[in-house]
């Protein structure tokens, strides 16, 4: 599901899409990712241009394979990125066109 630039929605409704594998929240006005808790099939998560700064909800995922974090506070937080890498060592994590290497 792609919610690119959506601002007039209740993001908590996403949590009801329990079999969701792809979620793009690019440029949505969010900083809280509690809506992804319980999305055990989520593999691809796009957060470009959001205000997400912490990895805590991302770390609850089970199958993360691809994460896009360009233009987010999270992209500048090396400690949080290391937590993500440790949990998902095979995941592709991108800051724009640059794949992060750990």
N, C-alpha and C. Protein backbone atom coordinates (compact mmCIF):
# COMPACT_ATOMS: atom_id res chain seq x y z
N UNK A 1 0.85 -1.17 0.00
CA UNK A 1 0.00 0.00 0.00
C UNK A 1 0.91 1.24 0.00
N UNK A 2 0.58 2.20 -0.81
CA UNK A 2 1.36 3.43 -0.89
C UNK A 2 0.48 4.59 -0.46
N UNK A 3 0.92 5.30 0.56
CA UNK A 3 0.19 6.44 1.09
C UNK A 3 0.97 7.73 0.91
N UNK A 4 1.74 7.79 -0.15
CA UNK A 4 2.60 8.92 -0.50
C UNK A 4 1.89 10.25 -0.29
N UNK A 5 2.43 11.10 0.57
CA UNK A 5 1.94 12.45 0.86
C UNK A 5 0.54 12.49 1.46
N UNK A 6 0.00 11.41 1.98
CA UNK A 6 -1.33 11.43 2.57
C UNK A 6 -1.27 12.06 3.96
N UNK A 7 -2.18 12.98 4.21
CA UNK A 7 -2.20 13.65 5.51
C UNK A 7 -3.55 13.55 6.20
N UNK A 8 -4.60 13.32 5.45
CA UNK A 8 -5.95 13.34 6.02
C UNK A 8 -6.50 11.94 6.26
N UNK A 9 -5.66 11.06 6.82
CA UNK A 9 -6.12 9.70 7.09
C UNK A 9 -5.74 9.32 8.52
N UNK A 10 -6.40 8.29 9.00
CA UNK A 10 -6.06 7.73 10.31
C UNK A 10 -5.05 6.62 10.08
N UNK A 11 -3.80 6.89 10.36
CA UNK A 11 -2.73 5.93 10.10
C UNK A 11 -2.88 4.65 10.91
N UNK A 12 -3.60 4.71 12.03
CA UNK A 12 -3.80 3.51 12.84
C UNK A 12 -4.59 2.44 12.09
N UNK A 13 -5.36 2.82 11.08
CA UNK A 13 -6.09 1.84 10.28
C UNK A 13 -5.15 0.87 9.57
N UNK A 14 -3.91 1.28 9.35
CA UNK A 14 -2.92 0.41 8.70
C UNK A 14 -2.72 -0.86 9.50
N UNK A 15 -2.82 -0.77 10.81
CA UNK A 15 -2.58 -1.93 11.68
C UNK A 15 -3.57 -3.06 11.42
N UNK A 16 -4.69 -2.77 10.79
CA UNK A 16 -5.68 -3.80 10.47
C UNK A 16 -5.32 -4.59 9.22
N UNK A 17 -4.33 -4.13 8.47
CA UNK A 17 -3.88 -4.81 7.25
C UNK A 17 -2.77 -5.80 7.62
N UNK A 18 -3.13 -6.82 8.36
CA UNK A 18 -2.14 -7.69 8.99
C UNK A 18 -1.30 -8.50 8.01
N UNK A 19 -1.73 -8.65 6.77
CA UNK A 19 -0.94 -9.41 5.80
C UNK A 19 -0.17 -8.51 4.84
N UNK A 20 -0.10 -7.25 5.17
CA UNK A 20 0.59 -6.26 4.34
C UNK A 20 2.07 -6.61 4.22
N UNK A 21 2.58 -6.57 2.99
CA UNK A 21 3.99 -6.85 2.74
C UNK A 21 4.77 -5.60 2.33
N UNK A 22 4.09 -4.61 1.78
CA UNK A 22 4.72 -3.38 1.28
C UNK A 22 3.97 -2.18 1.84
N UNK A 23 4.71 -1.24 2.41
CA UNK A 23 4.09 -0.02 2.93
C UNK A 23 4.99 1.17 2.63
N UNK A 24 4.43 2.14 1.93
CA UNK A 24 5.14 3.38 1.66
C UNK A 24 4.41 4.52 2.36
N UNK A 25 5.12 5.15 3.28
CA UNK A 25 4.60 6.31 3.99
C UNK A 25 5.41 7.56 3.63
N UNK A 26 6.06 7.52 2.47
CA UNK A 26 6.90 8.63 2.04
C UNK A 26 6.16 9.95 2.12
N UNK A 27 6.81 10.90 2.78
CA UNK A 27 6.35 12.28 2.91
C UNK A 27 5.00 12.41 3.61
N UNK A 28 4.65 11.43 4.43
CA UNK A 28 3.49 11.56 5.29
C UNK A 28 3.94 12.25 6.58
N UNK A 29 3.05 12.97 7.18
CA UNK A 29 3.38 13.73 8.39
C UNK A 29 3.27 12.81 9.61
N UNK A 30 4.26 11.93 9.76
CA UNK A 30 4.26 10.99 10.88
C UNK A 30 5.62 10.95 11.56
N UNK A 31 5.60 10.66 12.83
CA UNK A 31 6.83 10.40 13.58
C UNK A 31 6.68 9.11 14.38
N UNK A 32 5.46 8.66 14.54
CA UNK A 32 5.13 7.48 15.33
C UNK A 32 4.76 6.32 14.39
N UNK A 33 5.38 5.18 14.59
CA UNK A 33 5.12 4.02 13.73
C UNK A 33 4.39 2.90 14.45
N UNK A 34 3.65 3.21 15.50
CA UNK A 34 2.96 2.15 16.22
C UNK A 34 1.99 1.38 15.33
N UNK A 35 1.55 1.98 14.24
CA UNK A 35 0.61 1.31 13.34
C UNK A 35 1.22 0.10 12.64
N UNK A 36 2.55 -0.04 12.65
CA UNK A 36 3.16 -1.20 11.98
C UNK A 36 3.35 -2.37 12.94
N UNK A 37 3.10 -2.15 14.23
CA UNK A 37 3.19 -3.25 15.19
C UNK A 37 2.15 -4.30 14.81
N UNK A 38 2.55 -5.52 14.74
CA UNK A 38 1.64 -6.59 14.37
C UNK A 38 1.59 -6.89 12.89
N UNK A 39 2.31 -6.13 12.08
CA UNK A 39 2.36 -6.41 10.63
C UNK A 39 3.48 -7.41 10.38
N UNK A 40 3.24 -8.66 10.75
CA UNK A 40 4.30 -9.65 10.75
C UNK A 40 4.79 -10.05 9.37
N UNK A 41 4.07 -9.70 8.31
CA UNK A 41 4.50 -10.04 6.96
C UNK A 41 5.17 -8.87 6.23
N UNK A 42 5.25 -7.72 6.89
CA UNK A 42 5.81 -6.53 6.25
C UNK A 42 7.28 -6.73 5.91
N UNK A 43 7.60 -6.60 4.63
CA UNK A 43 8.97 -6.78 4.15
C UNK A 43 9.60 -5.48 3.67
N UNK A 44 8.81 -4.61 3.07
CA UNK A 44 9.32 -3.38 2.46
C UNK A 44 8.65 -2.18 3.12
N UNK A 45 9.47 -1.30 3.69
CA UNK A 45 8.96 -0.13 4.39
C UNK A 45 9.69 1.12 3.89
N UNK A 46 8.93 2.07 3.41
CA UNK A 46 9.46 3.32 2.86
C UNK A 46 9.01 4.47 3.75
N UNK A 47 9.98 5.17 4.31
CA UNK A 47 9.70 6.25 5.26
C UNK A 47 10.29 7.59 4.84
N UNK A 48 10.72 7.70 3.61
CA UNK A 48 11.38 8.92 3.13
C UNK A 48 10.55 10.16 3.43
N UNK A 49 11.22 11.18 3.97
CA UNK A 49 10.56 12.47 4.21
C UNK A 49 9.62 12.49 5.40
N UNK A 50 9.67 11.47 6.25
CA UNK A 50 8.84 11.48 7.46
C UNK A 50 9.65 12.04 8.62
N UNK A 51 9.03 12.11 9.78
CA UNK A 51 9.71 12.59 10.98
C UNK A 51 10.10 11.45 11.91
N UNK A 52 10.18 10.25 11.39
CA UNK A 52 10.54 9.08 12.19
C UNK A 52 12.00 9.21 12.65
N UNK A 53 12.21 9.07 13.95
CA UNK A 53 13.56 9.22 14.50
C UNK A 53 14.04 8.00 15.28
N UNK A 54 13.13 7.10 15.62
CA UNK A 54 13.49 5.94 16.43
C UNK A 54 13.15 4.65 15.71
N UNK A 55 13.89 3.60 16.04
CA UNK A 55 13.73 2.29 15.40
C UNK A 55 12.83 1.35 16.17
N UNK A 56 12.34 1.73 17.35
CA UNK A 56 11.66 0.78 18.23
C UNK A 56 10.53 0.01 17.55
N UNK A 57 9.69 0.65 16.77
CA UNK A 57 8.60 -0.07 16.11
C UNK A 57 9.10 -0.88 14.92
N UNK A 58 10.10 -0.40 14.24
CA UNK A 58 10.70 -1.14 13.13
C UNK A 58 11.30 -2.44 13.65
N UNK A 59 11.88 -2.39 14.83
CA UNK A 59 12.52 -3.57 15.42
C UNK A 59 11.52 -4.66 15.81
N UNK A 60 10.25 -4.33 15.87
CA UNK A 60 9.22 -5.32 16.18
C UNK A 60 8.81 -6.13 14.95
N UNK A 61 9.21 -5.66 13.77
CA UNK A 61 8.89 -6.40 12.55
C UNK A 61 9.66 -7.71 12.52
N UNK A 62 9.18 -8.65 11.72
CA UNK A 62 9.82 -9.96 11.65
C UNK A 62 10.51 -10.25 10.34
N UNK A 63 10.06 -9.63 9.24
CA UNK A 63 10.55 -9.99 7.92
C UNK A 63 11.09 -8.83 7.12
N UNK A 64 11.54 -7.78 7.75
CA UNK A 64 11.99 -6.60 7.02
C UNK A 64 13.13 -6.95 6.06
N UNK A 65 12.94 -6.58 4.82
CA UNK A 65 13.93 -6.84 3.78
C UNK A 65 14.46 -5.55 3.15
N UNK A 66 13.62 -4.51 3.12
CA UNK A 66 13.99 -3.26 2.47
C UNK A 66 13.45 -2.10 3.29
N UNK A 67 14.32 -1.13 3.58
CA UNK A 67 13.94 0.04 4.36
C UNK A 67 14.53 1.27 3.69
N UNK A 68 13.68 2.27 3.44
CA UNK A 68 14.09 3.53 2.83
C UNK A 68 13.88 4.64 3.86
N UNK A 69 14.97 5.36 4.21
CA UNK A 69 14.90 6.34 5.29
C UNK A 69 15.43 7.72 4.93
N UNK A 70 15.55 8.02 3.66
CA UNK A 70 16.09 9.33 3.25
C UNK A 70 15.26 10.46 3.84
N UNK A 71 15.94 11.54 4.18
CA UNK A 71 15.29 12.75 4.69
C UNK A 71 14.46 12.49 5.94
N UNK A 72 14.98 11.65 6.83
CA UNK A 72 14.33 11.41 8.12
C UNK A 72 15.35 11.64 9.23
N UNK A 73 14.90 11.98 10.43
CA UNK A 73 15.82 12.04 11.55
C UNK A 73 16.49 10.68 11.82
N UNK A 74 15.80 9.60 11.52
CA UNK A 74 16.36 8.26 11.71
C UNK A 74 17.62 8.06 10.88
N UNK A 75 17.66 8.63 9.69
CA UNK A 75 18.81 8.47 8.80
C UNK A 75 20.09 9.07 9.41
N UNK A 76 19.94 9.99 10.33
CA UNK A 76 21.08 10.65 10.96
C UNK A 76 21.44 10.02 12.31
N UNK A 77 20.68 9.03 12.74
CA UNK A 77 20.87 8.45 14.06
C UNK A 77 21.60 7.11 13.95
N UNK A 78 22.91 7.14 14.03
CA UNK A 78 23.73 5.94 13.83
C UNK A 78 23.41 4.83 14.82
N UNK A 79 23.12 5.19 16.05
CA UNK A 79 22.80 4.17 17.06
C UNK A 79 21.54 3.40 16.68
N UNK A 80 20.50 4.11 16.28
CA UNK A 80 19.25 3.46 15.89
C UNK A 80 19.44 2.61 14.63
N UNK A 81 20.23 3.10 13.69
CA UNK A 81 20.50 2.34 12.46
C UNK A 81 21.25 1.05 12.77
N UNK A 82 22.14 1.10 13.73
CA UNK A 82 22.87 -0.10 14.13
C UNK A 82 21.92 -1.13 14.74
N UNK A 83 20.96 -0.68 15.52
CA UNK A 83 19.95 -1.60 16.07
C UNK A 83 19.20 -2.31 14.95
N UNK A 84 18.82 -1.54 13.92
CA UNK A 84 18.09 -2.13 12.79
C UNK A 84 18.97 -3.14 12.08
N UNK A 85 20.21 -2.78 11.84
CA UNK A 85 21.13 -3.69 11.14
C UNK A 85 21.34 -4.98 11.93
N UNK A 86 21.47 -4.88 13.24
CA UNK A 86 21.66 -6.08 14.06
C UNK A 86 20.45 -7.00 14.00
N UNK A 87 19.26 -6.44 13.98
CA UNK A 87 18.04 -7.25 13.94
C UNK A 87 17.81 -7.83 12.54
N UNK A 88 18.14 -7.05 11.50
CA UNK A 88 17.90 -7.45 10.11
C UNK A 88 19.20 -7.33 9.31
N UNK A 89 20.17 -8.20 9.55
CA UNK A 89 21.49 -8.05 8.89
C UNK A 89 21.44 -8.20 7.37
N UNK A 90 20.45 -8.87 6.85
CA UNK A 90 20.34 -9.07 5.40
C UNK A 90 19.49 -8.00 4.71
N UNK A 91 18.87 -7.13 5.48
CA UNK A 91 17.99 -6.11 4.90
C UNK A 91 18.79 -5.06 4.14
N UNK A 92 18.20 -4.55 3.08
CA UNK A 92 18.75 -3.44 2.32
C UNK A 92 18.19 -2.15 2.92
N UNK A 93 19.08 -1.33 3.44
CA UNK A 93 18.68 -0.07 4.06
C UNK A 93 19.26 1.06 3.22
N UNK A 94 18.38 1.92 2.74
CA UNK A 94 18.79 2.99 1.83
C UNK A 94 18.52 4.36 2.42
N UNK A 95 19.48 5.25 2.23
CA UNK A 95 19.32 6.67 2.52
C UNK A 95 19.39 7.36 1.16
N UNK A 96 18.25 7.51 0.52
CA UNK A 96 18.21 8.00 -0.85
C UNK A 96 18.69 6.89 -1.77
N UNK A 97 19.59 7.22 -2.68
CA UNK A 97 20.12 6.22 -3.60
C UNK A 97 21.30 5.46 -3.02
N UNK A 98 21.70 5.84 -1.81
CA UNK A 98 22.88 5.23 -1.20
C UNK A 98 22.46 4.10 -0.26
N UNK A 99 22.95 2.90 -0.56
CA UNK A 99 22.72 1.75 0.31
C UNK A 99 23.69 1.88 1.48
N UNK A 100 23.16 1.75 2.69
CA UNK A 100 24.00 1.85 3.86
C UNK A 100 24.78 0.56 4.06
N UNK A 101 26.05 0.71 4.33
CA UNK A 101 26.96 -0.42 4.54
C UNK A 101 27.37 -0.39 6.01
N UNK A 102 27.24 -1.52 6.66
CA UNK A 102 27.59 -1.61 8.09
C UNK A 102 28.84 -2.43 8.26
